[in-house]
Protein backbone atom coordinates (compact mmCIF):
# COMPACT_ATOMS: atom_id res chain seq x y z
CA MET A 1 -44.22 17.49 -83.58
CA GLN A 2 -47.26 19.31 -82.73
CA THR A 3 -47.86 22.40 -84.69
CA MET A 4 -50.76 25.22 -84.85
CA ILE A 5 -51.65 25.74 -88.66
CA LEU A 6 -53.69 27.64 -91.32
CA ASN A 7 -55.84 25.78 -93.36
CA ASP A 8 -57.23 29.26 -95.31
CA TYR A 9 -56.28 32.77 -95.55
CA GLY A 10 -58.77 35.50 -94.22
CA PRO A 11 -60.18 37.83 -91.42
CA GLU A 12 -61.72 34.81 -89.33
CA ALA A 13 -59.37 32.42 -90.49
CA SER A 14 -58.46 30.34 -87.25
CA PHE A 15 -55.50 28.17 -86.32
CA VAL A 16 -56.01 24.67 -85.63
CA PRO A 17 -53.63 21.96 -84.13
CA ALA A 18 -51.68 19.48 -86.40
CA GLU A 19 -49.34 16.82 -86.13
CA ARG A 20 -46.32 17.30 -88.88
CA ALA A 21 -42.76 15.38 -89.31
CA LYS A 22 -39.98 17.32 -87.37
CA PRO A 23 -37.44 18.92 -89.37
CA GLN A 24 -34.26 17.44 -89.99
CA ALA A 25 -30.98 19.43 -90.06
CA VAL A 26 -29.35 20.57 -93.25
CA PRO A 27 -26.46 22.09 -94.13
CA GLY A 28 -26.05 25.63 -92.93
CA HIS A 29 -28.95 25.32 -90.55
CA VAL A 30 -30.02 24.22 -87.07
CA VAL A 31 -33.09 22.50 -85.86
CA VAL A 32 -34.62 24.63 -82.59
CA ARG A 33 -36.83 23.12 -79.80
CA VAL A 34 -39.16 26.54 -79.72
CA LYS A 35 -40.05 27.85 -76.07
CA ALA A 36 -41.76 31.14 -77.27
CA THR A 37 -42.45 32.76 -80.30
CA SER A 38 -44.17 36.67 -80.37
CA VAL A 39 -46.46 38.03 -82.73
CA ASN A 40 -46.01 40.92 -85.02
CA THR A 41 -48.13 42.97 -87.18
CA VAL A 42 -46.94 41.17 -90.41
CA ASP A 43 -48.34 38.09 -88.96
CA THR A 44 -51.89 39.09 -88.55
CA MET A 45 -51.33 40.54 -92.08
CA ILE A 46 -50.36 37.25 -93.69
CA ARG A 47 -53.33 35.32 -91.85
CA GLU A 48 -55.81 38.18 -93.13
CA MET A 49 -54.65 38.88 -96.35
CA GLY A 50 -52.69 35.81 -97.66
CA LYS A 51 -51.77 35.67 -101.28
CA ASP A 52 -52.46 39.17 -101.73
CA LEU A 53 -48.86 39.84 -99.92
CA PRO A 54 -46.14 38.43 -101.85
CA LEU A 55 -44.84 36.96 -98.96
CA SER A 56 -47.34 34.73 -97.59
CA PRO A 57 -46.74 30.88 -97.43
CA ASP A 58 -48.78 28.37 -99.25
CA LEU A 59 -51.24 26.58 -97.28
CA PRO A 60 -51.54 24.63 -94.95
CA ALA A 61 -49.37 27.27 -93.34
CA ILE A 62 -47.04 27.48 -90.26
CA LEU A 63 -46.59 31.26 -89.40
CA GLY A 64 -44.36 32.74 -86.70
CA MET A 65 -41.44 34.47 -87.10
CA ASP A 66 -39.86 35.06 -84.05
CA PHE A 67 -38.78 32.82 -81.91
CA ALA A 68 -36.46 31.80 -78.54
CA GLY A 69 -35.61 28.01 -78.16
CA ILE A 70 -32.85 25.28 -77.59
CA VAL A 71 -30.59 23.89 -80.19
CA ASP A 72 -31.51 20.43 -80.83
CA GLU A 73 -29.75 19.41 -83.93
CA VAL A 74 -26.96 21.11 -85.81
CA GLY A 75 -26.18 20.93 -89.74
CA GLU A 76 -23.09 20.59 -91.46
CA GLY A 77 -20.75 23.53 -91.87
CA VAL A 78 -23.00 25.28 -88.94
CA GLU A 79 -19.72 26.85 -86.83
CA GLY A 80 -20.84 28.64 -83.27
CA PHE A 81 -23.64 26.86 -82.42
CA ALA A 82 -23.63 23.57 -80.68
CA VAL A 83 -26.69 20.99 -79.10
CA GLY A 84 -28.29 22.58 -75.83
CA ASP A 85 -27.36 26.32 -76.92
CA GLU A 86 -30.26 29.12 -75.96
CA VAL A 87 -30.79 30.77 -79.01
CA TYR A 88 -33.06 33.48 -80.81
CA GLY A 89 -34.18 34.77 -84.11
CA CYS A 90 -36.45 35.73 -86.61
CA ALA A 91 -35.99 33.19 -89.28
CA GLY A 92 -39.60 31.62 -90.70
CA GLY A 93 -43.29 31.98 -91.25
CA LEU A 94 -43.19 33.22 -94.25
CA ALA A 95 -42.59 32.18 -98.03
CA ASP A 96 -41.46 28.68 -97.79
CA LEU A 97 -39.64 29.17 -94.22
CA GLN A 98 -41.88 26.74 -91.73
CA GLY A 99 -42.86 29.21 -88.88
CA ALA A 100 -41.98 28.85 -85.35
CA LEU A 101 -46.14 27.96 -84.06
CA ALA A 102 -44.86 24.49 -83.63
CA GLU A 103 -42.33 22.57 -81.26
CA PHE A 104 -39.52 22.30 -83.91
CA MET A 105 -38.38 24.68 -86.61
CA LEU A 106 -35.34 24.98 -88.99
CA ALA A 107 -33.46 28.10 -88.94
CA ASP A 108 -30.74 29.19 -90.96
CA ALA A 109 -27.56 29.77 -88.79
CA ARG A 110 -27.07 33.36 -90.27
CA LEU A 111 -30.55 34.53 -89.06
CA ILE A 112 -29.97 33.26 -85.29
CA ALA A 113 -27.83 34.35 -82.33
CA HIS A 114 -27.00 33.13 -78.82
CA LYS A 115 -30.20 34.35 -76.31
CA PRO A 116 -29.50 37.13 -73.88
CA ALA A 117 -28.02 35.36 -70.90
CA SER A 118 -30.14 37.89 -68.59
CA ILE A 119 -34.00 37.55 -69.77
CA GLY A 120 -35.60 34.17 -70.15
CA MET A 121 -36.71 32.60 -73.24
CA ARG A 122 -40.34 34.64 -73.24
CA GLU A 123 -38.66 38.06 -73.22
CA ALA A 124 -36.23 36.89 -75.79
CA ALA A 125 -38.79 35.82 -78.30
CA ALA A 126 -40.21 39.41 -78.09
CA VAL A 127 -36.93 41.05 -79.89
CA PRO A 128 -35.90 39.69 -82.90
CA LEU A 129 -38.02 41.65 -85.74
CA VAL A 130 -38.78 44.64 -83.79
CA GLY A 131 -35.14 44.61 -82.35
CA ILE A 132 -33.59 44.28 -85.99
CA THR A 133 -35.73 46.80 -87.58
CA ALA A 134 -35.10 49.30 -85.01
CA PHE A 135 -31.72 48.79 -84.93
CA GLU A 136 -31.42 49.14 -88.73
CA GLY A 137 -33.79 52.17 -88.30
CA VAL A 138 -31.33 53.93 -85.87
CA GLN A 139 -28.62 52.88 -87.79
CA ARG A 140 -30.13 54.29 -91.30
CA GLY A 141 -31.26 57.61 -90.02
CA GLY A 142 -27.72 58.23 -88.42
CA ILE A 143 -28.72 59.06 -85.13
CA ALA A 144 -26.33 60.17 -82.99
CA ALA A 145 -25.44 62.16 -79.97
CA GLY A 146 -26.55 65.83 -80.14
CA HIS A 147 -29.74 64.78 -82.56
CA LYS A 148 -33.05 65.63 -81.39
CA VAL A 149 -34.76 62.51 -82.51
CA LEU A 150 -38.99 61.66 -82.43
CA VAL A 151 -40.24 58.52 -82.49
CA HIS A 152 -43.63 57.86 -83.43
CA GLY A 153 -45.26 55.09 -81.41
CA GLY A 154 -42.66 54.79 -78.57
CA ALA A 155 -44.92 52.09 -76.35
CA GLY A 156 -45.17 49.88 -79.33
CA GLY A 157 -43.01 47.00 -80.74
CA VAL A 158 -40.82 48.56 -82.79
CA GLY A 159 -41.03 51.94 -81.37
CA HIS A 160 -40.11 51.15 -77.76
CA LEU A 161 -36.64 49.51 -78.93
CA ALA A 162 -36.30 52.24 -81.03
CA VAL A 163 -36.83 54.91 -78.45
CA GLN A 164 -34.39 53.15 -75.98
CA LEU A 165 -31.85 52.49 -78.69
CA ALA A 166 -31.53 56.33 -79.72
CA LEU A 167 -31.18 57.64 -76.07
CA HIS A 168 -28.13 54.97 -76.02
CA LYS A 169 -26.78 56.69 -78.84
CA GLY A 170 -26.82 59.86 -76.52
CA ALA A 171 -30.06 61.61 -78.48
CA GLU A 172 -32.31 63.61 -76.96
CA VAL A 173 -35.49 61.43 -77.79
CA PHE A 174 -39.02 62.63 -77.54
CA SER A 175 -42.23 60.12 -78.80
CA THR A 176 -45.65 59.88 -79.53
CA GLY A 177 -48.38 58.18 -78.08
CA THR A 178 -51.67 58.50 -75.93
CA GLY A 179 -53.37 57.07 -73.16
CA GLU A 180 -52.01 57.20 -69.60
CA ALA A 181 -50.18 53.65 -69.69
CA LYS A 182 -48.18 54.21 -72.94
CA LEU A 183 -47.43 57.95 -72.38
CA ALA A 184 -45.64 56.45 -68.96
CA CYS A 185 -44.19 53.71 -70.68
CA ILE A 186 -42.48 56.24 -73.05
CA GLU A 187 -41.65 58.54 -69.81
CA GLY A 188 -39.97 55.60 -68.03
CA TYR A 189 -37.40 55.08 -70.74
CA GLY A 190 -36.18 58.51 -70.42
CA ALA A 191 -37.81 60.02 -73.18
CA ARG A 192 -40.16 62.86 -73.70
CA PRO A 193 -43.85 61.89 -74.22
CA ILE A 194 -45.77 63.68 -76.62
CA ASP A 195 -49.63 62.77 -76.79
CA TYR A 196 -50.48 63.09 -80.48
CA ARG A 197 -54.15 63.83 -79.71
CA ALA A 198 -53.50 66.76 -77.29
CA GLN A 199 -50.92 68.44 -79.77
CA THR A 200 -50.81 69.28 -83.53
CA VAL A 201 -47.42 68.28 -84.73
CA VAL A 202 -47.05 72.54 -85.38
CA GLU A 203 -47.55 72.82 -81.57
CA TYR A 204 -45.17 69.80 -80.53
CA VAL A 205 -42.53 71.14 -83.17
CA ASP A 206 -42.51 74.71 -81.85
CA ALA A 207 -42.57 73.51 -78.07
CA HIS A 208 -39.56 70.95 -78.30
CA THR A 209 -37.73 72.35 -81.07
CA GLY A 210 -38.46 76.02 -81.42
CA GLY A 211 -39.97 75.38 -84.71
CA ALA A 212 -36.42 73.95 -86.39
CA GLY A 213 -37.97 70.36 -86.76
CA PHE A 214 -36.50 67.21 -85.26
CA ASP A 215 -33.09 65.94 -86.82
CA VAL A 216 -34.15 62.57 -87.42
CA VAL A 217 -38.28 61.23 -87.24
CA PHE A 218 -38.51 57.31 -86.82
CA ASP A 219 -42.22 56.39 -88.00
CA THR A 220 -43.07 53.06 -87.06
CA VAL A 221 -46.70 54.07 -87.53
CA GLY A 222 -46.18 54.72 -91.33
CA GLY A 223 -49.56 55.14 -93.74
CA GLN A 224 -50.99 58.30 -93.54
CA ASN A 225 -49.03 59.40 -90.44
CA MET A 226 -45.81 59.70 -92.92
CA ALA A 227 -47.50 63.48 -93.88
CA ASN A 228 -46.71 63.88 -90.40
CA SER A 229 -43.30 62.94 -90.01
CA PHE A 230 -42.31 64.97 -93.11
CA ALA A 231 -44.06 67.90 -91.62
CA ALA A 232 -41.86 67.41 -88.06
CA ALA A 233 -38.98 67.04 -89.50
CA ALA A 234 -36.24 69.68 -89.61
CA LEU A 235 -34.73 70.79 -93.26
CA ASN A 236 -32.22 68.28 -94.50
CA GLY A 237 -33.45 66.03 -91.83
CA ASP A 238 -33.99 62.01 -91.75
CA VAL A 239 -36.99 60.08 -92.04
CA VAL A 240 -37.09 56.51 -91.59
CA THR A 241 -40.42 54.72 -91.83
CA THR A 242 -41.43 50.81 -91.24
CA VAL A 243 -44.47 51.23 -93.14
CA ALA A 244 -44.18 52.79 -96.59
CA LEU A 245 -47.47 51.41 -98.13
CA LEU A 246 -49.18 54.11 -99.70
CA GLU A 247 -49.16 56.66 -102.22
CA MET A 248 -48.61 59.99 -101.37
CA ASP A 249 -47.60 63.52 -102.46
CA LEU A 250 -43.62 64.27 -101.69
CA SER A 251 -43.59 67.95 -102.19
CA THR A 252 -43.24 68.53 -98.18
CA ALA A 253 -40.34 65.95 -98.38
CA HIS A 254 -38.84 67.64 -101.54
CA PHE A 255 -39.05 71.23 -100.21
CA ARG A 256 -37.52 70.43 -96.81
CA GLY A 257 -34.86 68.31 -98.17
CA LEU A 258 -35.27 65.16 -96.44
CA SER A 259 -33.94 61.62 -96.76
CA LEU A 260 -36.29 58.66 -96.93
CA HIS A 261 -35.29 55.61 -95.20
CA VAL A 262 -37.45 52.42 -95.66
CA VAL A 263 -36.90 49.54 -93.67
CA PHE A 264 -38.03 46.17 -94.60
CA MET A 265 -36.47 43.88 -92.52
CA LEU A 266 -37.76 40.36 -94.24
CA ILE A 267 -35.72 41.21 -96.83
CA PRO A 268 -32.64 38.95 -96.10
CA MET A 269 -35.41 35.89 -95.46
CA LEU A 270 -37.11 36.58 -98.39
CA ASN A 271 -34.10 36.91 -100.97
CA ASP A 272 -31.52 35.20 -98.92
CA PHE A 273 -29.51 38.74 -99.29
CA ARG A 274 -27.01 39.50 -96.39
CA ARG A 275 -28.61 37.04 -93.93
CA GLU A 276 -25.56 37.56 -91.64
CA THR A 277 -26.30 40.67 -90.81
CA HIS A 278 -29.42 39.93 -89.03
CA GLY A 279 -27.26 37.51 -87.00
CA ALA A 280 -24.82 40.34 -86.10
CA ILE A 281 -27.21 42.65 -85.13
CA LEU A 282 -29.24 40.05 -82.96
CA ALA A 283 -25.55 39.18 -81.10
CA GLU A 284 -25.30 42.88 -80.54
CA LEU A 285 -28.79 43.26 -79.09
CA ALA A 286 -28.09 40.62 -76.55
CA ARG A 287 -25.21 42.47 -75.67
CA LEU A 288 -27.10 45.56 -75.27
CA ILE A 289 -29.89 43.80 -73.26
CA ASP A 290 -27.15 42.06 -71.08
CA ALA A 291 -25.29 45.20 -70.18
CA GLY A 292 -28.71 46.92 -69.16
CA ALA A 293 -28.92 49.39 -71.86
CA VAL A 294 -32.28 47.45 -73.75
CA THR A 295 -35.10 46.11 -72.18
CA PRO A 296 -38.08 44.38 -74.14
CA LEU A 297 -41.18 45.37 -73.42
CA LEU A 298 -43.99 42.62 -73.29
CA ASP A 299 -47.69 42.62 -72.79
CA ASP A 300 -49.10 41.42 -69.64
CA ARG A 301 -51.43 38.92 -70.93
CA ARG A 302 -49.95 35.20 -71.41
CA PHE A 303 -50.76 32.98 -73.83
CA GLY A 304 -50.23 29.19 -74.77
CA LEU A 305 -49.85 27.29 -78.54
CA SER A 306 -53.48 26.68 -78.14
CA ASP A 307 -54.58 30.32 -77.66
CA VAL A 308 -52.93 31.56 -81.07
CA ASP A 309 -56.26 32.73 -81.96
CA ALA A 310 -56.68 35.19 -78.77
CA ALA A 311 -53.11 36.30 -79.28
CA TYR A 312 -53.52 37.29 -82.47
CA ALA A 313 -56.84 38.87 -81.59
CA HIS A 314 -55.38 40.98 -78.67
CA LEU A 315 -52.53 42.09 -80.68
CA LYS A 316 -55.33 43.50 -83.44
CA SER A 317 -56.95 45.07 -80.50
CA GLY A 318 -54.47 47.69 -80.19
CA ASN A 319 -54.97 47.13 -76.34
CA ALA A 320 -51.60 45.20 -76.37
CA ILE A 321 -48.86 47.26 -74.52
CA GLY A 322 -45.49 45.84 -75.76
CA LYS A 323 -44.99 42.46 -77.67
CA VAL A 324 -47.71 39.62 -77.26
CA VAL A 325 -46.00 36.19 -76.68
CA ILE A 326 -46.88 32.86 -76.95
CA GLU A 327 -45.32 30.26 -74.81
CA LEU A 328 -44.71 26.37 -75.79
């Protein structure tokens, strides 16, 4: 089968074409003919940082976590999937799990679900990692009707789905971004856009909550932005973050009585821990997509398997709006 592999790690590392043996089905798994895969920030981190990240695979590596495709072979003990089924999931591209930058990949059947019927392969491939992350964050933050919710980065990969899922729960949603296109994207979902370059945290908290703060802050930016999330949260509020890789003073969180929820959706893949929860979330996301409650946002630029370097560069540029997808 045709693949795109990494022979080296580092900021200048390039993907190169290579032929590899097609994987064979094993118990509990399916072989998927990959039709599309999306690029996530963690993919770019693996390429650049290599073994400095404990989740990076050994070289030569086939990356790509998200995929949409067609079941080509079904392993022993698999129920609910048959050859020819259209599926999607996040099931490889790290540790010892082959990724989706290949014509075929082996996927644990617990990590996949039937693709939403109302969208194509390209759109479906954009959903799994960010969709599961957004779903878990909304769930763990306890977002419900009547809450005032702030989503940092509402035009980004996780953010645009977190906004939609929070709105579906009945919350009043606000979201930060900057630039006309991203703010328009946020407003288009029915959330209130906040230009973080035009207003300070104090200013937008005063304007939208009367100074009381947001019941839940979903921070898809993380890092140093965590300080802004703590400052924006209401007393005894909840802060959900997807990027907690930093050292910081938690005094503000302490004196505001905040609950901090760290969402790291790769745990089931890395540790073979409750993998079935991801399949269940993907099935629910497919239902919501087909019902029109959630719509994936894709960047306009299109990439093929030979364009992997360009796709990674486009995501890293910060100019992408929505998910960057590679079609096979």
